[in-house]
Amino acid sequence: MSRKRSLSSPAGRALDAADDELMQLVDRAMAEAIRRAGPLFGCGPGRGDCCRGLFPINLLDARRLQRGMTELAARDPARAAAVRRRASRAVRRLARDFPGNPGTGLFGGDEEAEAGFCARHGAKRCPALDGATGRCDVYEWRPVACRAMGPPVRLGGVDLSPCPYCFGPASAADVERCRALPDPEGRESGLLDALEAREDRRGETVIPFALVGLPPTRR
């Protein structure tokens, strides 16, 4: 089954609709946290300090990015082609020491090796970022980790610190006052379980592999 058909099946559309709803909730929670932060928050379009390096993303993030690339290609083919070229160059570079299967783009599960890999490639700019404009070309479809940058957040029961590039020095009380709860009910986990069961594969990847497109699923 082709990736296009898989992404457009009734089950796929239902999953995507649920994911879109979740992303709206995440974005609203982050917007409210930024509102509470006021002058403590100093980020905006064109500031890409945090858009460097690698970090694992799950298959739900990868699917959303692939949907975004499909929509971007229909809306702005030249921009989509530029993203794909940048991502393809990154994939060729990353495949040399990828701690997993570079053919599938999935990590092998060795967290220590994956952390070392991401650290080694930490200086490179994300291929989704347009160097000329300083803007993310797939901003609407970015992973949860990208959406949750900025104010302090609580994800999966873990409290994460605010972004050092855009959140000013603050007291512990101010940090907690601004803390966002983008997914308090754990919806992402349920959607990810459903996607992994449907695609009969599990694991994590990185943004460049997702942008060029993970191999087609079996159903």
Protein backbone atom coordinates (compact mmCIF):
# COMPACT_ATOMS: atom_id res chain seq x y z
CA MET A 1 0.00 0.00 0.00
CA SER A 2 1.38 3.40 -0.90
CA ARG A 3 2.05 6.05 1.72
CA LYS A 4 -0.43 8.37 -0.03
CA ARG A 5 -3.22 5.84 0.24
CA SER A 6 -2.30 5.01 3.83
CA LEU A 7 -2.41 8.65 4.85
CA SER A 8 -5.81 9.18 3.19
CA SER A 9 -7.66 6.07 4.42
CA PRO A 10 -10.74 6.56 6.65
CA ALA A 11 -8.83 5.31 9.70
CA GLY A 12 -5.92 7.57 8.82
CA ARG A 13 -8.19 10.59 8.43
CA ALA A 14 -9.82 9.94 11.80
CA LEU A 15 -6.43 9.69 13.47
CA ASP A 16 -5.26 12.88 11.77
CA ALA A 17 -8.40 14.73 12.88
CA ALA A 18 -7.77 13.66 16.48
CA ASP A 19 -4.13 14.71 16.18
CA ASP A 20 -5.16 18.11 14.78
CA GLU A 21 -7.52 18.59 17.73
CA LEU A 22 -4.73 17.70 20.16
CA MET A 23 -2.34 20.16 18.49
CA GLN A 24 -4.94 22.91 18.88
CA LEU A 25 -5.12 22.13 22.60
CA VAL A 26 -1.31 22.14 22.86
CA ASP A 27 -1.06 25.46 21.03
CA ARG A 28 -3.74 27.06 23.22
CA ALA A 29 -2.00 25.88 26.39
CA MET A 30 1.33 27.28 25.19
CA ALA A 31 -0.27 30.59 24.15
CA GLU A 32 -1.81 30.94 27.62
CA ALA A 33 1.55 30.20 29.27
CA ILE A 34 3.20 32.85 27.09
CA ARG A 35 0.48 35.31 28.07
CA ARG A 36 1.16 34.63 31.76
CA ALA A 37 4.92 34.97 31.18
CA GLY A 38 4.54 38.48 29.79
CA PRO A 39 7.97 40.19 29.48
CA LEU A 40 9.75 37.01 30.64
CA PHE A 41 9.13 35.56 27.18
CA GLY A 42 11.21 37.04 24.39
CA CYS A 43 10.83 34.88 21.30
CA GLY A 44 9.15 35.41 17.96
CA PRO A 45 9.23 34.66 14.22
CA GLY A 46 12.71 34.57 12.76
CA ARG A 47 14.49 33.61 15.96
CA GLY A 48 15.83 30.12 15.42
CA ASP A 49 18.31 29.56 18.25
CA CYS A 50 16.45 26.44 19.33
CA CYS A 51 16.11 25.14 15.75
CA ARG A 52 19.52 23.50 15.82
CA GLY A 53 20.48 19.99 16.76
CA LEU A 54 18.62 16.71 16.79
CA PHE A 55 16.14 15.13 19.15
CA PRO A 56 13.96 12.02 18.86
CA ILE A 57 10.41 12.42 17.62
CA ASN A 58 7.70 9.78 17.67
CA LEU A 59 5.79 8.35 14.73
CA LEU A 60 2.84 10.67 15.35
CA ASP A 61 5.15 13.67 14.95
CA ALA A 62 6.66 12.07 11.85
CA ARG A 63 3.25 11.45 10.30
CA ARG A 64 2.21 15.06 10.96
CA LEU A 65 5.38 16.33 9.26
CA GLN A 66 4.71 14.10 6.26
CA ARG A 67 1.16 15.44 6.03
CA GLY A 68 2.64 18.90 6.16
CA MET A 69 5.04 18.17 3.34
CA THR A 70 2.14 16.92 1.20
CA GLU A 71 0.14 20.07 1.88
CA LEU A 72 3.15 22.32 1.37
CA ALA A 73 3.93 20.66 -1.98
CA ALA A 74 0.38 21.40 -3.14
CA ARG A 75 0.45 24.98 -1.87
CA ASP A 76 4.05 25.99 -2.59
CA PRO A 77 5.95 23.34 -4.63
CA ALA A 78 9.18 25.33 -4.73
CA ARG A 79 9.32 25.74 -0.97
CA ALA A 80 8.50 22.08 -0.42
CA ALA A 81 11.24 21.05 -2.84
CA ALA A 82 13.74 23.25 -1.00
CA VAL A 83 12.82 21.61 2.33
CA ARG A 84 13.17 18.18 0.79
CA ARG A 85 16.61 19.03 -0.63
CA ARG A 86 17.83 20.26 2.75
CA ALA A 87 16.39 17.20 4.49
CA SER A 88 17.89 14.82 1.93
CA ARG A 89 21.35 16.30 2.47
CA ALA A 90 20.89 15.92 6.22
CA VAL A 91 19.77 12.30 5.88
CA ARG A 92 22.82 11.40 3.81
CA ARG A 93 25.06 12.90 6.48
CA LEU A 94 23.19 11.34 9.40
CA ALA A 95 23.04 7.87 7.84
CA ARG A 96 26.81 7.45 8.30
CA ASP A 97 26.56 6.90 12.04
CA PHE A 98 22.82 6.49 12.63
CA PRO A 99 22.23 4.22 15.67
CA GLY A 100 19.43 2.30 14.06
CA ASN A 101 18.25 1.44 10.57
CA PRO A 102 18.91 4.33 8.16
CA GLY A 103 16.72 2.54 5.62
CA THR A 104 13.65 2.95 7.82
CA GLY A 105 14.83 6.06 9.65
CA LEU A 106 14.03 4.45 13.00
CA PHE A 107 16.34 4.37 15.99
CA GLY A 108 17.41 0.97 17.29
CA GLY A 109 16.37 1.54 20.90
CA ASP A 110 19.78 2.14 22.48
CA GLU A 111 19.06 5.38 24.33
CA GLU A 112 22.71 6.04 25.20
CA ALA A 113 23.78 5.64 21.57
CA GLU A 114 20.90 7.84 20.43
CA ALA A 115 21.82 10.57 22.92
CA GLY A 116 25.43 10.51 21.72
CA PHE A 117 24.32 10.65 18.10
CA CYS A 118 22.08 13.66 18.73
CA ALA A 119 24.88 15.40 20.63
CA ARG A 120 27.38 14.83 17.82
CA HIS A 121 25.04 16.48 15.33
CA GLY A 122 23.85 19.21 17.66
CA ALA A 123 25.33 22.15 15.77
CA LYS A 124 23.41 21.65 12.52
CA ARG A 125 20.36 23.71 11.65
CA CYS A 126 17.05 21.89 11.25
CA PRO A 127 16.33 21.37 7.52
CA ALA A 128 12.80 22.67 8.07
CA LEU A 129 14.28 26.11 8.82
CA ASP A 130 14.67 28.48 5.89
CA GLY A 131 18.06 30.10 6.36
CA ALA A 132 17.07 33.20 4.38
CA THR A 133 13.90 34.00 6.35
CA GLY A 134 14.72 32.36 9.67
CA ARG A 135 11.27 30.75 9.65
CA CYS A 136 10.16 27.14 9.86
CA ASP A 137 8.66 26.02 6.55
CA VAL A 138 6.52 23.35 8.25
CA TYR A 139 5.56 25.39 11.29
CA GLU A 140 1.89 24.36 11.21
CA TRP A 141 2.89 20.69 11.40
CA ARG A 142 5.87 20.84 13.74
CA PRO A 143 6.45 18.18 16.43
CA VAL A 144 5.13 18.55 19.96
CA ALA A 145 8.67 19.19 21.27
CA CYS A 146 8.92 22.23 18.97
CA ARG A 147 5.47 23.48 19.99
CA ALA A 148 6.37 23.15 23.66
CA MET A 149 9.53 25.26 23.45
CA GLY A 150 9.56 28.52 25.39
CA PRO A 151 7.79 28.57 28.75
CA PRO A 152 8.27 25.73 31.24
CA VAL A 153 6.03 22.77 30.52
CA ARG A 154 4.87 19.53 32.10
CA LEU A 155 4.78 16.65 29.61
CA GLY A 156 4.21 13.03 30.49
CA GLY A 157 4.35 13.91 34.18
CA VAL A 158 7.82 15.44 33.82
CA ASP A 159 8.52 19.11 34.53
CA LEU A 160 10.74 20.61 31.83
CA SER A 161 12.70 23.84 32.17
CA PRO A 162 11.95 26.90 30.04
CA CYS A 163 13.91 27.52 26.86
CA PRO A 164 17.18 29.27 27.74
CA TYR A 165 17.10 31.22 24.47
CA CYS A 166 13.79 32.98 24.94
CA PHE A 167 12.75 32.83 28.59
CA GLY A 168 14.39 35.39 30.84
CA PRO A 169 15.79 34.84 34.35
CA ALA A 170 12.90 34.07 36.69
CA SER A 171 12.23 32.97 40.23
CA ALA A 172 10.98 29.47 40.95
CA ALA A 173 7.57 30.96 41.68
CA ASP A 174 7.47 32.75 38.32
CA VAL A 175 8.52 29.57 36.52
CA GLU A 176 5.69 27.60 38.11
CA ARG A 177 3.23 30.41 37.45
CA CYS A 178 4.05 30.18 33.74
CA ARG A 179 4.20 26.39 33.49
CA ALA A 180 2.10 25.01 30.63
CA LEU A 181 0.19 21.73 30.70
CA PRO A 182 -0.16 21.09 26.96
CA ASP A 183 -1.47 17.52 27.25
CA PRO A 184 -2.70 16.92 30.81
CA GLU A 185 -4.88 13.95 29.84
CA GLY A 186 -2.13 12.14 27.97
CA ARG A 187 -3.98 12.13 24.65
CA GLU A 188 -0.79 11.93 22.63
CA SER A 189 0.08 8.57 24.18
CA GLY A 190 -3.26 7.08 23.18
CA LEU A 191 -3.01 8.38 19.61
CA LEU A 192 0.54 7.10 19.32
CA ASP A 193 -0.51 3.65 20.53
CA ALA A 194 -3.27 3.59 17.91
CA LEU A 195 -0.91 4.67 15.14
CA GLU A 196 1.78 2.16 16.07
CA ALA A 197 -0.77 -0.67 16.18
CA ARG A 198 -2.21 0.37 12.83
CA GLU A 199 1.17 0.65 11.13
CA ASP A 200 2.60 -2.38 12.95
CA ARG A 201 5.83 -0.60 13.81
CA ARG A 202 7.24 1.29 16.75
CA GLY A 203 10.18 3.51 17.44
CA GLU A 204 11.44 7.04 17.10
CA THR A 205 13.17 8.98 14.36
CA VAL A 206 14.47 12.51 13.76
CA ILE A 207 13.01 15.37 11.75
CA PRO A 208 15.20 15.03 8.60
CA PHE A 209 14.11 11.41 8.05
CA ALA A 210 10.47 12.38 8.60
CA LEU A 211 10.69 15.24 6.10
CA VAL A 212 11.96 13.02 3.29
CA GLY A 213 9.31 10.44 4.18
CA LEU A 214 9.60 7.22 6.16
CA PRO A 215 9.03 4.10 4.02
CA PRO A 216 5.39 3.13 3.29
CA THR A 217 3.52 1.22 5.94
CA ARG A 218 2.07 -2.21 5.29
CA ARG A 219 -1.53 -1.07 5.70
